[in-house]
Amino acid sequence: MSEQQIPVAPALPEPEPATPATPAAPAGKDRRVLRAVLRWTAALAVFAVAGTSTAYGVTRLERTDLPGLATRPDGRWAYPTIVHPPLPAARPAPFAHGNVANIHYADLRKLVLPGPKGAKAVPVLAGDHGWTKPDVFLAEYASKDDRDALRDELTDHGLRHIAARGWTMPDGTRTRIYLLQFETGLIAGEVQQDEFTGYDDPTRALRGAAVNAMDESYPAAAADENGLVEEYAEKKPYGAEQVRQAYITSGDVIALVVQSRAGGAKEIPFQQTVVLQQQLLS
């Protein structure tokens, strides 16, 4: 399939607010699933999702797809227009009918979000021919015990590849994106739930982000129904930098998006980056 760019459709009118039904109290591990559904439902009453896609293409988000973007300046970064890479012959998209394992057949290295205008690349994350070594990814975690445990778990669950990209912006914001690919979507989902995310904070702390909380400001209405996003922000008082992080589970891929900046990592460019990375994986 050849690459194609999809034009941005005009923004849809805002839907009339709806009164959500009161759900029954969730039990145990179902809390997080229900919580995500409620956040998406509530957000849909506020945000109009702009733009449509055909075939296997993705475009940049419109201003109204993220909170606080109605007026200029809004702090968004100037990302290039993004399209999905071509699929191998006779291979389906990850969530197409018949792809029961939700496998990404496109080149994983081309599914990593490209840097925006003004970004200075971090070559070490590109690895060897675009493949990143597990130790580079594991170095994001603060505890040696966590790094050792994760190394074993990734091996036991049949990690296939890691593709990554990183950059630094003129304001000092540092971004790192890692895509971890497993054999099936079922395996990736199990690893994400068991090893990376908890109900209120990440299971394993990143370097420089000892105390975190679920970021309730993330515009879940902009997320794709085929994936799950768990976003966290480091609590005050943070040290030299504030760290924001998000785990995206999309089929057989788990993505980790990390942004850090002295004085505070800005909310809008982080959310923009997470949403675009998830759409690229959809």
C-alpha atoms as a PDB file:
ATOM      1  CA  MET A   1       0.000   0.000   0.000  1.00  0.00           C
ATOM      2  CA  SER A   2       1.450   3.395  -0.834  1.00  0.00           C
ATOM      3  CA  GLU A   3       1.688   6.186   1.703  1.00  0.00           C
ATOM      4  CA  GLN A   4      -1.110   8.712   1.591  1.00  0.00           C
ATOM      5  CA  GLN A   5      -1.935  11.910   3.382  1.00  0.00           C
ATOM      6  CA  ILE A   6      -5.477  12.465   4.463  1.00  0.00           C
ATOM      7  CA  PRO A   7      -6.885  16.002   4.407  1.00  0.00           C
ATOM      8  CA  VAL A   8      -8.211  17.393   7.645  1.00  0.00           C
ATOM      9  CA  ALA A   9     -11.984  17.510   7.720  1.00  0.00           C
ATOM     10  CA  PRO A  10     -13.739  20.576   9.105  1.00  0.00           C
ATOM     11  CA  ALA A  11     -14.452  20.527  12.816  1.00  0.00           C
ATOM     12  CA  LEU A  12     -17.771  19.025  13.743  1.00  0.00           C
ATOM     13  CA  PRO A  13     -20.220  21.054  15.849  1.00  0.00           C
ATOM     14  CA  GLU A  14     -20.131  20.391  19.558  1.00  0.00           C
ATOM     15  CA  PRO A  15     -22.652  17.772  20.646  1.00  0.00           C
ATOM     16  CA  GLU A  16     -25.344  18.636  23.129  1.00  0.00           C
ATOM     17  CA  PRO A  17     -24.268  17.602  26.654  1.00  0.00           C
ATOM     18  CA  ALA A  18     -25.803  14.340  27.743  1.00  0.00           C
ATOM     19  CA  THR A  19     -26.660  13.252  31.224  1.00  0.00           C
ATOM     20  CA  PRO A  20     -24.644  10.099  31.907  1.00  0.00           C
ATOM     21  CA  ALA A  21     -26.299   7.191  33.650  1.00  0.00           C
ATOM     22  CA  THR A  22     -25.084   6.330  37.112  1.00  0.00           C
ATOM     23  CA  PRO A  23     -22.980   3.150  36.884  1.00  0.00           C
ATOM     24  CA  ALA A  24     -22.986   0.343  39.388  1.00  0.00           C
ATOM     25  CA  ALA A  25     -20.007   0.245  41.730  1.00  0.00           C
ATOM     26  CA  PRO A  26     -17.138  -1.634  40.052  1.00  0.00           C
ATOM     27  CA  ALA A  27     -15.422  -4.556  41.690  1.00  0.00           C
ATOM     28  CA  GLY A  28     -11.671  -5.039  42.096  1.00  0.00           C
ATOM     29  CA  LYS A  29      -9.604  -4.826  38.966  1.00  0.00           C
ATOM     30  CA  ASP A  30     -12.591  -3.623  36.904  1.00  0.00           C
ATOM     31  CA  ARG A  31     -12.276  -0.160  38.475  1.00  0.00           C
ATOM     32  CA  ARG A  32      -9.697   1.097  36.035  1.00  0.00           C
ATOM     33  CA  VAL A  33     -11.622  -0.064  32.972  1.00  0.00           C
ATOM     34  CA  LEU A  34     -14.817   1.559  34.186  1.00  0.00           C
ATOM     35  CA  ARG A  35     -12.893   4.673  35.165  1.00  0.00           C
ATOM     36  CA  ALA A  36     -11.492   5.011  31.659  1.00  0.00           C
ATOM     37  CA  VAL A  37     -14.942   4.556  30.124  1.00  0.00           C
ATOM     38  CA  LEU A  38     -16.407   7.234  32.371  1.00  0.00           C
ATOM     39  CA  ARG A  39     -13.587   9.640  31.517  1.00  0.00           C
ATOM     40  CA  TRP A  40     -14.151   9.078  27.795  1.00  0.00           C
ATOM     41  CA  THR A  41     -17.924   9.571  28.168  1.00  0.00           C
ATOM     42  CA  ALA A  42     -17.532  12.777  30.149  1.00  0.00           C
ATOM     43  CA  ALA A  43     -14.929  14.143  27.780  1.00  0.00           C
ATOM     44  CA  LEU A  44     -17.133  13.488  24.766  1.00  0.00           C
ATOM     45  CA  ALA A  45     -19.635  15.952  26.177  1.00  0.00           C
ATOM     46  CA  VAL A  46     -16.954  18.651  26.058  1.00  0.00           C
ATOM     47  CA  PHE A  47     -14.695  17.961  23.063  1.00  0.00           C
ATOM     48  CA  ALA A  48     -15.740  17.640  19.445  1.00  0.00           C
ATOM     49  CA  VAL A  49     -13.474  15.222  17.691  1.00  0.00           C
ATOM     50  CA  ALA A  50     -12.321  16.874  14.482  1.00  0.00           C
ATOM     51  CA  GLY A  51     -11.076  15.212  11.339  1.00  0.00           C
ATOM     52  CA  THR A  52     -11.774  11.873   9.725  1.00  0.00           C
ATOM     53  CA  SER A  53      -9.543   9.173   8.278  1.00  0.00           C
ATOM     54  CA  THR A  54      -9.842   6.799   5.375  1.00  0.00           C
ATOM     55  CA  ALA A  55      -7.782   3.767   4.417  1.00  0.00           C
ATOM     56  CA  TYR A  56      -4.760   3.763   6.713  1.00  0.00           C
ATOM     57  CA  GLY A  57      -3.963   7.482   7.033  1.00  0.00           C
ATOM     58  CA  VAL A  58      -3.647   9.933   9.946  1.00  0.00           C
ATOM     59  CA  THR A  59      -3.405  13.720  10.010  1.00  0.00           C
ATOM     60  CA  ARG A  60      -2.358  16.267  12.581  1.00  0.00           C
ATOM     61  CA  LEU A  61      -4.816  17.100  15.331  1.00  0.00           C
ATOM     62  CA  GLU A  62      -7.034  20.100  14.914  1.00  0.00           C
ATOM     63  CA  ARG A  63      -6.848  22.828  17.524  1.00  0.00           C
ATOM     64  CA  THR A  64     -10.133  21.790  19.173  1.00  0.00           C
ATOM     65  CA  ASP A  65      -8.989  18.200  19.726  1.00  0.00           C
ATOM     66  CA  LEU A  66      -7.043  19.157  22.844  1.00  0.00           C
ATOM     67  CA  PRO A  67      -8.100  21.285  25.822  1.00  0.00           C
ATOM     68  CA  GLY A  68      -7.002  24.903  25.877  1.00  0.00           C
ATOM     69  CA  LEU A  69      -6.272  25.066  22.152  1.00  0.00           C
ATOM     70  CA  ALA A  70      -9.039  27.422  21.127  1.00  0.00           C
ATOM     71  CA  THR A  71      -6.880  30.538  21.136  1.00  0.00           C
ATOM     72  CA  ARG A  72      -3.347  31.433  20.051  1.00  0.00           C
ATOM     73  CA  PRO A  73      -0.727  30.949  21.269  1.00  0.00           C
ATOM     74  CA  ASP A  74      -1.616  27.499  22.573  1.00  0.00           C
ATOM     75  CA  GLY A  75       1.796  25.878  23.066  1.00  0.00           C
ATOM     76  CA  ARG A  76       1.343  23.142  20.476  1.00  0.00           C
ATOM     77  CA  TRP A  77       4.362  21.917  18.565  1.00  0.00           C
ATOM     78  CA  ALA A  78       4.526  21.995  14.775  1.00  0.00           C
ATOM     79  CA  TYR A  79       4.510  18.311  13.891  1.00  0.00           C
ATOM     80  CA  PRO A  80       4.742  17.259  10.254  1.00  0.00           C
ATOM     81  CA  THR A  81       1.693  15.768   8.599  1.00  0.00           C
ATOM     82  CA  ILE A  82       1.719  12.127   9.628  1.00  0.00           C
ATOM     83  CA  VAL A  83       0.751   9.077   7.581  1.00  0.00           C
ATOM     84  CA  HIS A  84       0.892   5.405   8.409  1.00  0.00           C
ATOM     85  CA  PRO A  85       3.671   3.472   6.671  1.00  0.00           C
ATOM     86  CA  PRO A  86       2.624   0.998   3.973  1.00  0.00           C
ATOM     87  CA  LEU A  87       1.624  -2.486   4.992  1.00  0.00           C
ATOM     88  CA  PRO A  88       3.287  -5.589   3.534  1.00  0.00           C
ATOM     89  CA  ALA A  89       1.330  -7.210   0.721  1.00  0.00           C
ATOM     90  CA  ALA A  90      -1.831  -9.016   1.882  1.00  0.00           C
ATOM     91  CA  ARG A  91      -1.286  -7.998   5.517  1.00  0.00           C
ATOM     92  CA  PRO A  92      -4.160  -6.308   7.407  1.00  0.00           C
ATOM     93  CA  ALA A  93      -4.078  -3.238   9.618  1.00  0.00           C
ATOM     94  CA  PRO A  94      -3.762  -4.040  13.352  1.00  0.00           C
ATOM     95  CA  PHE A  95      -7.474  -3.703  14.091  1.00  0.00           C
ATOM     96  CA  ALA A  96      -8.862  -4.855  10.765  1.00  0.00           C
ATOM     97  CA  HIS A  97     -11.352  -7.703  10.561  1.00  0.00           C
ATOM     98  CA  GLY A  98      -9.471 -10.991  10.583  1.00  0.00           C
ATOM     99  CA  ASN A  99      -6.414  -9.703  12.452  1.00  0.00           C
ATOM    100  CA  VAL A 100      -7.489 -11.420  15.667  1.00  0.00           C
ATOM    101  CA  ALA A 101      -4.083 -11.028  17.336  1.00  0.00           C
ATOM    102  CA  ASN A 102      -4.051  -7.265  16.604  1.00  0.00           C
ATOM    103  CA  ILE A 103      -0.570  -7.434  15.118  1.00  0.00           C
ATOM    104  CA  HIS A 104       1.161  -4.380  13.644  1.00  0.00           C
ATOM    105  CA  TYR A 105       2.617  -5.690  10.377  1.00  0.00           C
ATOM    106  CA  ALA A 106       4.041  -2.311   9.313  1.00  0.00           C
ATOM    107  CA  ASP A 107       7.690  -1.602  10.107  1.00  0.00           C
ATOM    108  CA  LEU A 108       7.704  -0.747  13.819  1.00  0.00           C
ATOM    109  CA  ARG A 109      10.507   1.790  13.304  1.00  0.00           C
ATOM    110  CA  LYS A 110       8.221   3.801  11.051  1.00  0.00           C
ATOM    111  CA  LEU A 111       5.459   3.802  13.649  1.00  0.00           C
ATOM    112  CA  VAL A 112       7.457   5.961  16.065  1.00  0.00           C
ATOM    113  CA  LEU A 113       6.216   9.553  16.016  1.00  0.00           C
ATOM    114  CA  PRO A 114       8.636  11.886  14.190  1.00  0.00           C
ATOM    115  CA  GLY A 115       9.968  14.946  15.966  1.00  0.00           C
ATOM    116  CA  PRO A 116       8.313  18.352  15.518  1.00  0.00           C
ATOM    117  CA  LYS A 117       9.815  21.467  13.960  1.00  0.00           C
ATOM    118  CA  GLY A 118      12.815  22.691  15.937  1.00  0.00           C
ATOM    119  CA  ALA A 119      13.557  19.307  17.529  1.00  0.00           C
ATOM    120  CA  LYS A 120      17.161  18.209  17.975  1.00  0.00           C
ATOM    121  CA  ALA A 121      17.386  14.425  17.692  1.00  0.00           C
ATOM    122  CA  VAL A 122      18.918  12.177  20.361  1.00  0.00           C
ATOM    123  CA  PRO A 123      20.904   9.658  18.281  1.00  0.00           C
ATOM    124  CA  VAL A 124      21.405   7.081  21.046  1.00  0.00           C
ATOM    125  CA  LEU A 125      17.710   6.214  21.031  1.00  0.00           C
ATOM    126  CA  ALA A 126      17.751   5.299  17.348  1.00  0.00           C
ATOM    127  CA  GLY A 127      19.912   2.255  18.150  1.00  0.00           C
ATOM    128  CA  ASP A 128      21.321  -0.069  15.509  1.00  0.00           C
ATOM    129  CA  HIS A 129      19.493   0.410  12.198  1.00  0.00           C
ATOM    130  CA  GLY A 130      16.580   1.829  14.164  1.00  0.00           C
ATOM    131  CA  TRP A 131      16.325  -1.013  16.695  1.00  0.00           C
ATOM    132  CA  THR A 132      16.913   0.015  20.301  1.00  0.00           C
ATOM    133  CA  LYS A 133      18.563  -2.296  22.799  1.00  0.00           C
ATOM    134  CA  PRO A 134      16.493  -3.271  25.865  1.00  0.00           C
ATOM    135  CA  ASP A 135      19.094  -1.741  28.203  1.00  0.00           C
ATOM    136  CA  VAL A 136      18.503   1.703  26.660  1.00  0.00           C
ATOM    137  CA  PHE A 137      14.795   1.403  27.419  1.00  0.00           C
ATOM    138  CA  LEU A 138      15.396  -0.062  30.892  1.00  0.00           C
ATOM    139  CA  ALA A 139      17.674   2.867  31.760  1.00  0.00           C
ATOM    140  CA  GLU A 140      14.527   5.005  32.040  1.00  0.00           C
ATOM    141  CA  TYR A 141      13.698   3.253  35.327  1.00  0.00           C
ATOM    142  CA  ALA A 142      15.175   4.426  38.601  1.00  0.00           C
ATOM    143  CA  SER A 143      15.504   1.170  40.531  1.00  0.00           C
ATOM    144  CA  LYS A 144      18.005  -1.532  39.647  1.00  0.00           C
ATOM    145  CA  ASP A 145      15.563  -4.096  41.018  1.00  0.00           C
ATOM    146  CA  ASP A 146      12.891  -2.800  38.628  1.00  0.00           C
ATOM    147  CA  ARG A 147      15.311  -2.866  35.704  1.00  0.00           C
ATOM    148  CA  ASP A 148      16.341  -6.447  36.461  1.00  0.00           C
ATOM    149  CA  ALA A 149      12.748  -7.601  36.961  1.00  0.00           C
ATOM    150  CA  LEU A 150      11.579  -5.917  33.768  1.00  0.00           C
ATOM    151  CA  ARG A 151      14.417  -7.437  31.770  1.00  0.00           C
ATOM    152  CA  ASP A 152      13.325 -10.896  32.878  1.00  0.00           C
ATOM    153  CA  GLU A 153       9.640 -10.216  32.242  1.00  0.00           C
ATOM    154  CA  LEU A 154      10.236  -8.832  28.754  1.00  0.00           C
ATOM    155  CA  THR A 155      12.306 -11.890  27.885  1.00  0.00           C
ATOM    156  CA  ASP A 156       9.747 -14.301  29.352  1.00  0.00           C
ATOM    157  CA  HIS A 157       6.913 -12.640  27.408  1.00  0.00           C
ATOM    158  CA  GLY A 158       8.738 -12.848  24.099  1.00  0.00           C
ATOM    159  CA  LEU A 159       9.604  -9.203  23.411  1.00  0.00           C
ATOM    160  CA  ARG A 160      10.296  -8.983  19.674  1.00  0.00           C
ATOM    161  CA  HIS A 161      11.598  -5.463  19.067  1.00  0.00           C
ATOM    162  CA  ILE A 162      12.024  -2.028  20.595  1.00  0.00           C
ATOM    163  CA  ALA A 163      11.960   1.023  18.334  1.00  0.00           C
ATOM    164  CA  ALA A 164      12.560   4.459  19.814  1.00  0.00           C
ATOM    165  CA  ARG A 165      13.073   8.126  19.059  1.00  0.00           C
ATOM    166  CA  GLY A 166      14.032  11.090  21.207  1.00  0.00           C
ATOM    167  CA  TRP A 167      14.537  14.816  20.798  1.00  0.00           C
ATOM    168  CA  THR A 168      15.131  18.059  22.680  1.00  0.00           C
ATOM    169  CA  MET A 169      13.187  21.242  21.967  1.00  0.00           C
ATOM    170  CA  PRO A 170      14.561  24.811  22.152  1.00  0.00           C
ATOM    171  CA  ASP A 171      12.794  25.375  25.501  1.00  0.00           C
ATOM    172  CA  GLY A 172      14.668  22.418  27.001  1.00  0.00           C
ATOM    173  CA  THR A 173      11.822  19.890  26.885  1.00  0.00           C
ATOM    174  CA  ARG A 174      13.231  16.388  26.409  1.00  0.00           C
ATOM    175  CA  THR A 175      11.037  13.732  24.760  1.00  0.00           C
ATOM    176  CA  ARG A 176      11.616   9.979  24.587  1.00  0.00           C
ATOM    177  CA  ILE A 177       9.287   7.519  22.870  1.00  0.00           C
ATOM    178  CA  TYR A 178       9.708   3.739  23.025  1.00  0.00           C
ATOM    179  CA  LEU A 179       7.616   1.147  21.180  1.00  0.00           C
ATOM    180  CA  LEU A 180       7.792  -2.414  22.537  1.00  0.00           C
ATOM    181  CA  GLN A 181       6.362  -5.108  20.268  1.00  0.00           C
ATOM    182  CA  PHE A 182       5.190  -8.537  21.429  1.00  0.00           C
ATOM    183  CA  GLU A 183       3.807 -11.599  19.653  1.00  0.00           C
ATOM    184  CA  THR A 184       0.126 -10.738  20.143  1.00  0.00           C
ATOM    185  CA  GLY A 185      -2.126  -8.048  21.522  1.00  0.00           C
ATOM    186  CA  LEU A 186      -3.145 -10.347  24.367  1.00  0.00           C
ATOM    187  CA  ILE A 187       0.454 -10.653  25.561  1.00  0.00           C
ATOM    188  CA  ALA A 188       1.056  -6.917  25.293  1.00  0.00           C
ATOM    189  CA  GLY A 189      -2.062  -6.233  27.364  1.00  0.00           C
ATOM    190  CA  GLU A 190      -0.947  -8.615  30.087  1.00  0.00           C
ATOM    191  CA  VAL A 191       2.526  -7.046  30.260  1.00  0.00           C
ATOM    192  CA  GLN A 192       1.100  -3.535  30.425  1.00  0.00           C
ATOM    193  CA  GLN A 193      -1.275  -4.397  33.251  1.00  0.00           C
ATOM    194  CA  ASP A 194       1.179  -6.488  35.255  1.00  0.00           C
ATOM    195  CA  GLU A 195       4.403  -4.517  34.803  1.00  0.00           C
ATOM    196  CA  PHE A 196       3.764  -0.884  34.008  1.00  0.00           C
ATOM    197  CA  THR A 197       0.568   0.777  35.200  1.00  0.00           C
ATOM    198  CA  GLY A 198      -1.391   0.882  38.426  1.00  0.00           C
ATOM    199  CA  TYR A 199      -4.717   2.452  39.297  1.00  0.00           C
ATOM    200  CA  ASP A 200      -3.305   5.778  40.522  1.00  0.00           C
ATOM    201  CA  ASP A 201       0.389   5.702  39.669  1.00  0.00           C
ATOM    202  CA  PRO A 202       2.881   3.741  37.557  1.00  0.00           C
ATOM    203  CA  THR A 203       3.968   0.356  38.854  1.00  0.00           C
ATOM    204  CA  ARG A 204       7.648   1.241  38.365  1.00  0.00           C
ATOM    205  CA  ALA A 205       9.137   4.715  38.889  1.00  0.00           C
ATOM    206  CA  LEU A 206      11.082   6.425  36.140  1.00  0.00           C
ATOM    207  CA  ARG A 207      14.305   8.262  36.844  1.00  0.00           C
ATOM    208  CA  GLY A 208      13.579  11.637  38.386  1.00  0.00           C
ATOM    209  CA  ALA A 209       9.893  10.876  38.927  1.00  0.00           C
ATOM    210  CA  ALA A 210       9.549   9.249  42.309  1.00  0.00           C
ATOM    211  CA  VAL A 211       6.026  10.485  43.151  1.00  0.00           C
ATOM    212  CA  ASN A 212       3.375  10.543  40.421  1.00  0.00           C
ATOM    213  CA  ALA A 213      -0.373  10.787  40.012  1.00  0.00           C
ATOM    214  CA  MET A 214      -2.863   9.965  37.285  1.00  0.00           C
ATOM    215  CA  ASP A 215      -3.257  13.048  35.100  1.00  0.00           C
ATOM    216  CA  GLU A 216      -6.987  13.733  34.961  1.00  0.00           C
ATOM    217  CA  SER A 217      -6.560  16.503  32.373  1.00  0.00           C
ATOM    218  CA  TYR A 218      -5.747  14.108  29.522  1.00  0.00           C
ATOM    219  CA  PRO A 219      -8.381  14.512  26.744  1.00  0.00           C
ATOM    220  CA  ALA A 220      -9.549  10.926  26.591  1.00  0.00           C
ATOM    221  CA  ALA A 221     -12.114  11.831  23.932  1.00  0.00           C
ATOM    222  CA  ALA A 222      -9.203  12.233  21.519  1.00  0.00           C
ATOM    223  CA  ALA A 223      -7.996   8.683  22.227  1.00  0.00           C
ATOM    224  CA  ASP A 224      -8.718   5.820  19.870  1.00  0.00           C
ATOM    225  CA  GLU A 225     -11.164   3.134  20.981  1.00  0.00           C
ATOM    226  CA  ASN A 226      -8.692   0.430  19.973  1.00  0.00           C
ATOM    227  CA  GLY A 227      -6.066   1.498  22.504  1.00  0.00           C
ATOM    228  CA  LEU A 228      -5.646   2.412  26.140  1.00  0.00           C
ATOM    229  CA  VAL A 229      -3.754   5.450  27.426  1.00  0.00           C
ATOM    230  CA  GLU A 230      -2.621   5.830  31.044  1.00  0.00           C
ATOM    231  CA  GLU A 231      -1.046   9.256  31.643  1.00  0.00           C
ATOM    232  CA  TYR A 232       0.796  10.388  34.770  1.00  0.00           C
ATOM    233  CA  ALA A 233       2.414  13.613  35.952  1.00  0.00           C
ATOM    234  CA  GLU A 234       5.079  13.969  38.621  1.00  0.00           C
ATOM    235  CA  LYS A 235       3.728  15.613  41.765  1.00  0.00           C
ATOM    236  CA  LYS A 236       5.120  18.762  43.344  1.00  0.00           C
ATOM    237  CA  PRO A 237       7.571  19.392  44.770  1.00  0.00           C
ATOM    238  CA  TYR A 238       9.598  17.855  41.945  1.00  0.00           C
ATOM    239  CA  GLY A 239      13.339  18.179  41.583  1.00  0.00           C
ATOM    240  CA  ALA A 240      15.355  19.766  38.795  1.00  0.00           C
ATOM    241  CA  GLU A 241      12.798  18.628  36.215  1.00  0.00           C
ATOM    242  CA  GLN A 242       9.172  17.592  36.139  1.00  0.00           C
ATOM    243  CA  VAL A 243       8.469  14.319  34.343  1.00  0.00           C
ATOM    244  CA  ARG A 244       5.296  13.447  32.466  1.00  0.00           C
ATOM    245  CA  GLN A 245       4.779   9.901  31.220  1.00  0.00           C
ATOM    246  CA  ALA A 246       2.145   7.900  29.384  1.00  0.00           C
ATOM    247  CA  TYR A 247       1.759   4.233  28.547  1.00  0.00           C
ATOM    248  CA  ILE A 248      -0.169   3.428  25.382  1.00  0.00           C
ATOM    249  CA  THR A 249      -1.365  -0.114  24.723  1.00  0.00           C
ATOM    250  CA  SER A 250      -2.321  -0.670  21.090  1.00  0.00           C
ATOM    251  CA  GLY A 251      -2.619  -4.235  19.849  1.00  0.00           C
ATOM    252  CA  ASP A 252       0.733  -6.008  20.143  1.00  0.00           C
ATOM    253  CA  VAL A 253       2.600  -2.774  20.988  1.00  0.00           C
ATOM    254  CA  ILE A 254       3.179  -0.978  24.282  1.00  0.00           C
ATOM    255  CA  ALA A 255       4.426   2.593  23.916  1.00  0.00           C
ATOM    256  CA  LEU A 256       6.090   4.663  26.621  1.00  0.00           C
ATOM    257  CA  VAL A 257       6.112   8.427  26.043  1.00  0.00           C
ATOM    258  CA  VAL A 258       8.224  10.506  28.426  1.00  0.00           C
ATOM    259  CA  GLN A 259       8.684  14.277  28.544  1.00  0.00           C
ATOM    260  CA  SER A 260      10.740  16.191  31.090  1.00  0.00           C
ATOM    261  CA  ARG A 261      11.598  19.845  31.507  1.00  0.00           C
ATOM    262  CA  ALA A 262      13.246  22.052  34.117  1.00  0.00           C
ATOM    263  CA  GLY A 263      10.626  24.112  35.915  1.00  0.00           C
ATOM    264  CA  GLY A 264       7.735  21.950  34.725  1.00  0.00           C
ATOM    265  CA  ALA A 265       6.844  19.815  31.707  1.00  0.00           C
ATOM    266  CA  LYS A 266       4.111  21.575  29.759  1.00  0.00           C
ATOM    267  CA  GLU A 267       0.747  19.874  29.511  1.00  0.00           C
ATOM    268  CA  ILE A 268      -0.331  20.760  25.970  1.00  0.00           C
ATOM    269  CA  PRO A 269       2.679  19.545  23.953  1.00  0.00           C
ATOM    270  CA  PHE A 270       2.783  16.365  26.015  1.00  0.00           C
ATOM    271  CA  GLN A 271      -0.857  15.555  25.408  1.00  0.00           C
ATOM    272  CA  GLN A 272      -0.454  16.421  21.729  1.00  0.00           C
ATOM    273  CA  THR A 273       2.502  14.030  21.468  1.00  0.00           C
ATOM    274  CA  VAL A 274       0.650  11.191  23.213  1.00  0.00           C
ATOM    275  CA  VAL A 275      -2.481  11.552  21.088  1.00  0.00           C
ATOM    276  CA  LEU A 276      -0.537  11.610  17.833  1.00  0.00           C
ATOM    277  CA  GLN A 277       1.535   8.589  18.839  1.00  0.00           C
ATOM    278  CA  GLN A 278      -1.585   6.626  19.681  1.00  0.00           C
ATOM    279  CA  GLN A 279      -3.227   7.569  16.389  1.00  0.00           C
ATOM    280  CA  LEU A 280      -0.128   6.432  14.518  1.00  0.00           C
ATOM    281  CA  LEU A 281      -0.472   3.026  16.183  1.00  0.00           C
ATOM    282  CA  SER A 282      -4.197   2.706  15.438  1.00  0.00           C
END
